Amino acid sequence: MKIGIVGLPNVGKSTLFNALTKKGVLAANYPFATIDPSVGVVAVPDERLYKLADFSQSKKTLPAAIEFVDIAGLVEGASKGEGLGNKFLSHIREVDAILQMVRIFPLEESGNGIMHVYGDINPLRDIKVINMELVLADLESVNKRIGNISRDVKRGDKDAVKENEILEKVQKVLEEEKMANTLALTEEESKIIKSLNLLTSKKIIFGLNKRGGVKNLDESDSTAFKELTNFIESSGYEYVVLDAKTEDDLKDFGDEEKKELRGGEEDGIDELIRKSYKLLGLMTYFTTGPEETRAWTVKVGSTGPEAGAAIHTDFKTKYIRAQVINWQDLLNSGSFGEARAKGLIRTEGKEYIVKDGDVIEFMV
């Protein structure tokens, strides 16, 4: 599952990516992970994993992981091919969700700092520029598809007529300069237009990038910052305030040193990773033992056999049952034997819906 980092030039995308990759995981443990240098396989922070590893005295500890893709900066006119427009848009189509980086740190008075393509700091404008380029690109895709099926619609092809009705709904929303994800579609309607892979139908999270040692927008202009966060929340999105430059600078320090150097502030990047993981509709279950404790990633709502497929495809087809216990219940019991004696370890069949934090042993 990939999250694409997008934004205007000079808002901190690559700085964030550099900080994220320091939180990366060994690709050898994730056989389908890309080796593309613009993609970082990033560990999902989860204290439960390390508590379970300590409980089992495991030799290896393997976290859950998601991928972040560093996408080139967008400029106004990208939908018409300006800058790296076409390449930029094609890269976004390949990701599952979008992390839109927004600059809230100021221009330096000396003029020697990081410039902004518009010469001033206005994050709400920046968001609207990016969203408009995504809307225009999608509108072109929708209009093209409507044209392609027009003959089938005229001759009364039922599938084409149904698709055209849905496309016209999406077209209307886009013409109103709104994102396609603001349109309530049924599951069937969503499946019909899925092949278009619309940019504005993807889930979005915002990273509000500040900088240490200066007055950022949330400190210098609380009204503008409130307008920004109100816009994000009213659009149904989440945001995380982070300092990509500081986290990049601290990436080679240990956890305790980082806490001290941050002056007590939270690590916004860890929060961003956790929220991004949740945004993708993912959750974690665990396997644990002396050799290895591992966090496995599955979609929320997965059944036992579907969750088992994360370990090996045979686990889905050959699934018989599973032994399941909540991670905290296991730790509180002190051992698997004690947990079993207390009746806390359950036997679950094929219909079981896996819960976040389950510790599972599969029987196949």
Protein backbone atom coordinates (compact mmCIF):
# COMPACT_ATOMS: atom_id res chain seq x y z
CA MET A 1 0.00 0.00 0.00
CA LYS A 2 1.53 3.28 -1.14
CA ILE A 3 1.02 6.88 -0.06
CA GLY A 4 2.20 9.55 -2.48
CA ILE A 5 3.75 12.73 -1.04
CA VAL A 6 2.54 15.67 -3.16
CA GLY A 7 2.68 19.44 -2.93
CA LEU A 8 4.04 22.59 -4.52
CA PRO A 9 7.83 22.98 -4.85
CA ASN A 10 9.74 23.98 -1.70
CA VAL A 11 7.14 22.89 0.86
CA GLY A 12 9.26 20.11 2.39
CA LYS A 13 8.25 16.95 0.47
CA SER A 14 11.76 15.60 -0.05
CA THR A 15 12.85 16.66 3.44
CA LEU A 16 9.96 14.66 4.88
CA PHE A 17 10.81 11.71 2.64
CA ASN A 18 14.42 11.76 3.86
CA ALA A 19 13.25 11.76 7.49
CA LEU A 20 10.77 8.95 6.76
CA THR A 21 13.34 6.70 5.08
CA LYS A 22 15.44 6.79 8.25
CA LYS A 23 12.47 5.05 9.85
CA GLY A 24 12.62 2.46 7.08
CA VAL A 25 12.70 -1.30 7.41
CA LEU A 26 14.94 -3.94 5.87
CA ALA A 27 13.45 -4.55 2.42
CA ALA A 28 14.63 -8.17 2.48
CA ASN A 29 11.93 -8.89 5.06
CA TYR A 30 9.25 -7.58 2.71
CA PRO A 31 9.71 -9.49 -0.57
CA PHE A 32 7.30 -7.37 -2.60
CA ALA A 33 8.84 -4.05 -1.55
CA THR A 34 10.15 -1.90 -4.38
CA ILE A 35 13.82 -0.94 -4.69
CA ASP A 36 12.92 2.35 -6.41
CA PRO A 37 14.93 5.10 -4.63
CA SER A 38 11.88 7.38 -4.61
CA VAL A 39 9.92 4.85 -2.53
CA GLY A 40 10.56 4.35 1.17
CA VAL A 41 9.37 1.26 3.03
CA VAL A 42 8.59 2.70 6.45
CA ALA A 43 8.01 0.94 9.77
CA VAL A 44 4.69 1.66 11.50
CA PRO A 45 5.41 2.76 15.10
CA ASP A 46 3.71 0.30 17.44
CA GLU A 47 4.77 -0.22 21.07
CA ARG A 48 2.67 -3.40 21.27
CA LEU A 49 5.10 -5.16 18.95
CA TYR A 50 8.12 -4.51 21.15
CA LYS A 51 6.29 -5.46 24.34
CA LEU A 52 5.34 -8.78 22.74
CA ALA A 53 8.91 -9.32 21.52
CA ASP A 54 10.18 -8.73 25.07
CA PHE A 55 7.49 -11.09 26.41
CA SER A 56 8.62 -13.87 24.04
CA GLN A 57 12.33 -12.99 24.20
CA SER A 58 12.27 -13.04 20.41
CA LYS A 59 15.46 -13.10 18.37
CA LYS A 60 13.88 -10.96 15.63
CA THR A 61 11.27 -8.18 15.71
CA LEU A 62 9.59 -7.19 12.46
CA PRO A 63 7.19 -4.20 12.33
CA ALA A 64 4.30 -3.57 9.97
CA ALA A 65 5.24 -1.38 7.03
CA ILE A 66 3.76 0.99 4.45
CA GLU A 67 5.36 2.73 1.48
CA PHE A 68 5.75 6.46 0.92
CA VAL A 69 6.45 7.73 -2.60
CA ASP A 70 8.33 11.00 -3.15
CA ILE A 71 6.53 12.64 -6.10
CA ALA A 72 7.97 15.65 -7.96
CA GLY A 73 6.58 19.07 -7.06
CA LEU A 74 3.41 20.14 -8.82
CA VAL A 75 3.00 23.53 -10.49
CA GLU A 76 -0.08 25.35 -11.68
CA GLY A 77 -0.94 24.06 -15.13
CA ALA A 78 0.21 20.50 -14.44
CA SER A 79 -3.08 19.18 -15.81
CA LYS A 80 -2.10 20.79 -19.14
CA GLY A 81 1.41 19.33 -19.02
CA GLU A 82 3.22 22.29 -17.38
CA GLY A 83 6.43 21.43 -15.55
CA LEU A 84 6.49 17.68 -14.94
CA GLY A 85 2.70 17.69 -15.14
CA ASN A 86 1.94 14.48 -17.00
CA LYS A 87 4.63 12.52 -15.14
CA PHE A 88 3.45 13.96 -11.82
CA LEU A 89 -0.17 12.98 -12.45
CA SER A 90 0.70 9.48 -13.65
CA HIS A 91 2.71 8.88 -10.46
CA ILE A 92 -0.25 9.93 -8.31
CA ARG A 93 -2.50 7.48 -10.15
CA GLU A 94 -0.27 4.64 -8.96
CA VAL A 95 -0.65 5.35 -5.22
CA ASP A 96 -3.46 4.31 -2.88
CA ALA A 97 -3.71 7.59 -0.95
CA ILE A 98 -2.26 11.11 -0.99
CA LEU A 99 -0.23 12.93 1.63
CA GLN A 100 -0.49 16.58 0.68
CA MET A 101 2.39 18.57 2.17
CA VAL A 102 1.56 22.18 3.00
CA ARG A 103 4.07 24.80 4.06
CA ILE A 104 3.26 26.82 7.19
CA PHE A 105 6.83 28.03 7.85
CA PRO A 106 7.63 31.60 6.76
CA LEU A 107 9.90 33.21 4.22
CA GLU A 108 13.12 34.46 5.77
CA GLU A 109 13.42 38.23 5.95
CA SER A 110 17.01 38.08 4.69
CA GLY A 111 15.78 36.61 1.43
CA ASN A 112 18.37 33.83 1.69
CA GLY A 113 15.97 31.16 2.89
CA ILE A 114 13.76 28.69 1.03
CA MET A 115 11.62 30.61 -1.44
CA HIS A 116 7.99 29.93 -2.36
CA VAL A 117 6.80 29.69 -5.96
CA TYR A 118 4.17 32.38 -5.29
CA GLY A 119 6.44 34.62 -3.21
CA ASP A 120 4.38 34.44 -0.01
CA ILE A 121 2.99 31.92 2.46
CA ASN A 122 -0.69 31.12 1.95
CA PRO A 123 -1.33 27.41 2.61
CA LEU A 124 -5.05 27.55 1.83
CA ARG A 125 -4.25 28.92 -1.63
CA ASP A 126 -1.60 26.23 -2.11
CA ILE A 127 -4.08 23.46 -1.30
CA LYS A 128 -6.62 24.90 -3.73
CA VAL A 129 -4.00 25.10 -6.50
CA ILE A 130 -3.13 21.41 -6.09
CA ASN A 131 -6.75 20.32 -5.75
CA MET A 132 -7.70 22.26 -8.88
CA GLU A 133 -4.99 20.53 -10.93
CA LEU A 134 -6.27 17.15 -9.73
CA VAL A 135 -9.86 18.16 -10.53
CA LEU A 136 -8.94 19.35 -14.05
CA ALA A 137 -7.01 16.15 -14.78
CA ASP A 138 -9.98 14.04 -13.62
CA LEU A 139 -12.44 16.13 -15.61
CA GLU A 140 -10.43 15.44 -18.74
CA SER A 141 -10.47 11.69 -17.97
CA VAL A 142 -14.23 11.68 -17.34
CA ASN A 143 -15.05 13.72 -20.46
CA LYS A 144 -12.89 11.41 -22.57
CA ARG A 145 -14.64 8.32 -21.19
CA ILE A 146 -18.08 9.83 -21.80
CA GLY A 147 -17.06 10.44 -25.40
CA ASN A 148 -15.73 6.90 -25.80
CA ILE A 149 -18.98 5.24 -24.72
CA SER A 150 -21.36 7.71 -26.42
CA ARG A 151 -22.12 5.37 -29.33
CA ASP A 152 -22.98 2.51 -26.98
CA VAL A 153 -25.21 4.85 -24.97
CA LYS A 154 -27.06 5.95 -28.13
CA ARG A 155 -27.79 2.37 -29.13
CA GLY A 156 -29.14 1.65 -25.65
CA ASP A 157 -26.44 -0.63 -24.24
CA LYS A 158 -27.51 -1.10 -20.60
CA ASP A 159 -23.99 -1.18 -19.14
CA ALA A 160 -22.96 1.91 -21.09
CA VAL A 161 -26.10 3.80 -20.06
CA LYS A 162 -25.50 2.95 -16.40
CA GLU A 163 -21.84 3.97 -16.59
CA ASN A 164 -22.75 7.22 -18.37
CA GLU A 165 -25.20 8.14 -15.60
CA ILE A 166 -22.48 7.73 -12.99
CA LEU A 167 -19.90 9.57 -15.08
CA GLU A 168 -22.28 12.51 -15.47
CA LYS A 169 -22.69 12.66 -11.68
CA VAL A 170 -18.91 12.79 -11.27
CA GLN A 171 -18.60 15.28 -14.14
CA LYS A 172 -21.06 17.65 -12.44
CA VAL A 173 -19.11 17.55 -9.15
CA LEU A 174 -15.79 18.18 -10.91
CA GLU A 175 -17.26 21.06 -12.94
CA GLU A 176 -18.23 22.61 -9.61
CA GLU A 177 -14.49 22.42 -8.73
CA LYS A 178 -15.12 19.80 -6.05
CA MET A 179 -13.23 16.56 -5.45
CA ALA A 180 -14.79 13.29 -6.65
CA ASN A 181 -14.47 11.88 -3.11
CA THR A 182 -17.12 14.39 -1.98
CA LEU A 183 -19.69 12.50 -4.05
CA ALA A 184 -21.57 9.72 -2.26
CA LEU A 185 -21.48 6.68 -4.55
CA THR A 186 -22.82 3.22 -3.89
CA GLU A 187 -20.40 0.29 -3.81
CA GLU A 188 -21.63 -0.77 -7.25
CA GLU A 189 -21.16 2.75 -8.69
CA SER A 190 -17.65 2.95 -7.26
CA LYS A 191 -16.73 -0.36 -8.91
CA ILE A 192 -18.02 0.85 -12.28
CA ILE A 193 -15.75 3.93 -12.37
CA LYS A 194 -12.81 2.34 -10.56
CA SER A 195 -11.00 1.70 -13.84
CA LEU A 196 -10.64 5.48 -14.35
CA ASN A 197 -8.50 5.63 -11.19
CA LEU A 198 -9.57 9.19 -10.49
CA LEU A 199 -7.05 11.32 -8.61
CA THR A 200 -9.69 13.16 -6.61
CA SER A 201 -11.34 9.94 -5.44
CA LYS A 202 -8.26 8.96 -3.43
CA LYS A 203 -8.08 9.40 0.33
CA ILE A 204 -6.06 12.41 1.51
CA ILE A 205 -4.17 13.40 4.64
CA PHE A 206 -2.42 16.76 5.08
CA GLY A 207 1.03 17.33 6.53
CA LEU A 208 1.36 20.91 7.81
CA ASN A 209 5.08 21.54 7.72
CA LYS A 210 6.50 23.98 10.27
CA ARG A 211 10.10 24.83 11.13
CA GLY A 212 11.89 25.16 14.46
CA GLY A 213 13.29 28.51 15.58
CA VAL A 214 10.86 30.69 13.58
CA LYS A 215 7.29 31.91 13.93
CA ASN A 216 5.18 29.51 11.94
CA LEU A 217 1.65 30.21 10.76
CA ASP A 218 0.09 28.51 13.79
CA GLU A 219 2.03 30.91 16.03
CA SER A 220 2.20 34.14 14.01
CA ASP A 221 -1.29 34.17 12.47
CA SER A 222 -3.75 32.05 14.39
CA THR A 223 -6.69 33.28 12.27
CA ALA A 224 -5.14 32.05 9.01
CA PHE A 225 -4.16 28.78 10.67
CA LYS A 226 -7.70 28.28 11.98
CA GLU A 227 -9.11 28.92 8.51
CA LEU A 228 -6.70 26.32 7.15
CA THR A 229 -7.57 23.61 9.67
CA ASN A 230 -11.31 24.38 9.42
CA PHE A 231 -11.12 23.91 5.64
CA ILE A 232 -9.30 20.58 6.02
CA GLU A 233 -11.68 19.26 8.69
CA SER A 234 -14.84 20.47 6.93
CA SER A 235 -13.63 18.64 3.80
CA GLY A 236 -13.53 15.42 5.82
CA TYR A 237 -9.73 15.09 5.95
CA GLU A 238 -7.19 14.75 8.74
CA TYR A 239 -3.98 16.69 9.25
CA VAL A 240 -0.76 16.39 11.22
CA VAL A 241 1.48 19.32 12.19
CA LEU A 242 5.11 18.27 11.84
CA ASP A 243 8.61 19.67 11.51
CA ALA A 244 10.19 17.73 8.64
CA LYS A 245 13.51 19.61 8.78
CA THR A 246 14.03 18.99 12.50
CA GLU A 247 13.11 15.31 12.14
CA ASP A 248 15.49 15.00 9.19
CA ASP A 249 18.26 16.66 11.21
CA LEU A 250 17.60 14.30 14.14
CA LYS A 251 17.29 11.12 12.10
CA ASP A 252 20.70 9.78 13.16
CA PHE A 253 20.13 10.33 16.90
CA GLY A 254 18.74 7.77 19.34
CA ASP A 255 15.18 8.01 20.65
CA GLU A 256 16.13 9.50 24.02
CA GLU A 257 18.43 12.09 22.42
CA LYS A 258 15.67 13.03 19.98
CA LYS A 259 13.21 13.67 22.82
CA GLU A 260 15.71 15.93 24.56
CA LEU A 261 16.62 17.87 21.40
CA ARG A 262 12.95 18.34 20.47
CA GLY A 263 12.39 20.09 23.79
CA GLY A 264 9.53 17.85 24.78
CA GLU A 265 7.60 18.16 21.50
CA GLU A 266 6.06 15.03 19.98
CA ASP A 267 7.46 13.32 16.90
CA GLY A 268 4.95 14.47 14.28
CA ILE A 269 6.28 11.98 11.74
CA ASP A 270 5.40 8.97 13.90
CA GLU A 271 1.87 10.36 14.22
CA LEU A 272 1.77 10.89 10.46
CA ILE A 273 2.81 7.27 9.78
CA ARG A 274 0.17 5.92 12.18
CA LYS A 275 -2.59 8.09 10.71
CA SER A 276 -1.55 7.20 7.16
CA TYR A 277 -1.72 3.50 8.02
CA LYS A 278 -5.23 4.00 9.39
CA LEU A 279 -6.19 6.13 6.37
CA LEU A 280 -5.45 3.16 4.11
CA GLY A 281 -7.94 1.07 6.10
CA LEU A 282 -5.22 -1.14 7.56
CA MET A 283 -4.81 -2.82 10.92
CA THR A 284 -2.27 -5.09 12.61
CA TYR A 285 -2.28 -8.55 14.10
CA PHE A 286 0.74 -10.29 15.63
CA THR A 287 2.55 -13.60 15.70
CA THR A 288 5.05 -14.08 18.50
CA GLY A 289 7.52 -16.68 19.71
CA PRO A 290 11.21 -17.17 20.63
CA GLU A 291 12.39 -16.93 17.02
CA GLU A 292 10.34 -13.93 15.87
CA THR A 293 7.67 -11.43 16.82
CA ARG A 294 6.05 -9.87 13.80
CA ALA A 295 3.31 -7.36 13.01
CA TRP A 296 1.20 -8.37 10.01
CA THR A 297 -0.77 -5.88 7.95
CA VAL A 298 -4.31 -6.68 6.82
CA LYS A 299 -7.36 -4.73 5.72
CA VAL A 300 -9.86 -3.86 8.45
CA GLY A 301 -12.64 -6.46 8.33
CA SER A 302 -10.43 -9.34 7.16
CA THR A 303 -11.50 -12.88 8.06
CA GLY A 304 -9.14 -15.42 9.61
CA PRO A 305 -8.24 -17.04 6.25
CA GLU A 306 -7.71 -13.62 4.61
CA ALA A 307 -5.43 -12.55 7.46
CA GLY A 308 -3.53 -15.83 7.20
CA ALA A 309 -2.81 -15.08 3.53
CA ALA A 310 -0.56 -12.22 4.69
CA ILE A 311 1.83 -14.91 5.97
CA HIS A 312 1.41 -17.34 3.08
CA THR A 313 -1.23 -17.79 0.38
CA ASP A 314 -1.70 -21.42 1.47
CA PHE A 315 -2.96 -20.17 4.84
CA LYS A 316 -6.09 -18.88 3.11
CA THR A 317 -6.97 -22.06 1.23
CA LYS A 318 -5.82 -24.54 3.89
CA TYR A 319 -7.09 -22.60 6.92
CA ILE A 320 -8.76 -24.87 9.48
CA ARG A 321 -8.91 -22.73 12.63
CA ALA A 322 -6.80 -20.30 14.65
CA GLN A 323 -5.86 -19.75 18.29
CA VAL A 324 -6.50 -16.10 19.12
CA ILE A 325 -5.85 -13.83 22.10
CA ASN A 326 -5.72 -10.07 22.56
CA TRP A 327 -2.12 -8.84 22.92
CA GLN A 328 -2.77 -7.12 26.28
CA ASP A 329 -4.55 -10.15 27.70
CA LEU A 330 -1.52 -12.26 26.78
CA LEU A 331 0.94 -9.89 28.47
CA ASN A 332 -1.25 -9.62 31.57
CA SER A 333 -1.39 -13.42 31.82
CA GLY A 334 2.39 -13.74 31.87
CA SER A 335 2.53 -16.82 29.62
CA PHE A 336 0.54 -18.67 26.97
CA GLY A 337 -0.03 -21.48 29.46
CA GLU A 338 -1.58 -19.15 32.03
CA ALA A 339 -3.67 -17.43 29.35
CA ARG A 340 -4.97 -20.81 28.23
CA ALA A 341 -5.77 -21.79 31.82
CA LYS A 342 -7.80 -18.60 32.20
CA GLY A 343 -9.74 -19.37 29.03
CA LEU A 344 -8.44 -16.26 27.27
CA ILE A 345 -7.18 -18.09 24.18
CA ARG A 346 -10.07 -18.72 21.81
CA THR A 347 -10.41 -21.11 18.88
CA GLU A 348 -11.83 -19.25 15.87
CA GLY A 349 -13.11 -20.65 12.57
CA LYS A 350 -13.15 -19.37 9.01
CA GLU A 351 -15.79 -16.71 9.63
CA TYR A 352 -13.86 -14.97 12.40
CA ILE A 353 -13.24 -11.25 11.75
CA VAL A 354 -9.73 -10.44 12.90
CA LYS A 355 -9.36 -7.55 15.35
CA ASP A 356 -6.54 -5.04 15.61
CA GLY A 357 -4.11 -6.28 18.27
CA ASP A 358 -4.96 -9.98 17.98
CA VAL A 359 -2.13 -12.44 18.58
CA ILE A 360 -2.81 -15.41 16.30
CA GLU A 361 -1.49 -18.92 15.79
CA PHE A 362 -2.91 -20.44 12.59
CA MET A 363 -3.83 -24.11 12.26
CA VAL A 364 -3.54 -25.28 8.64
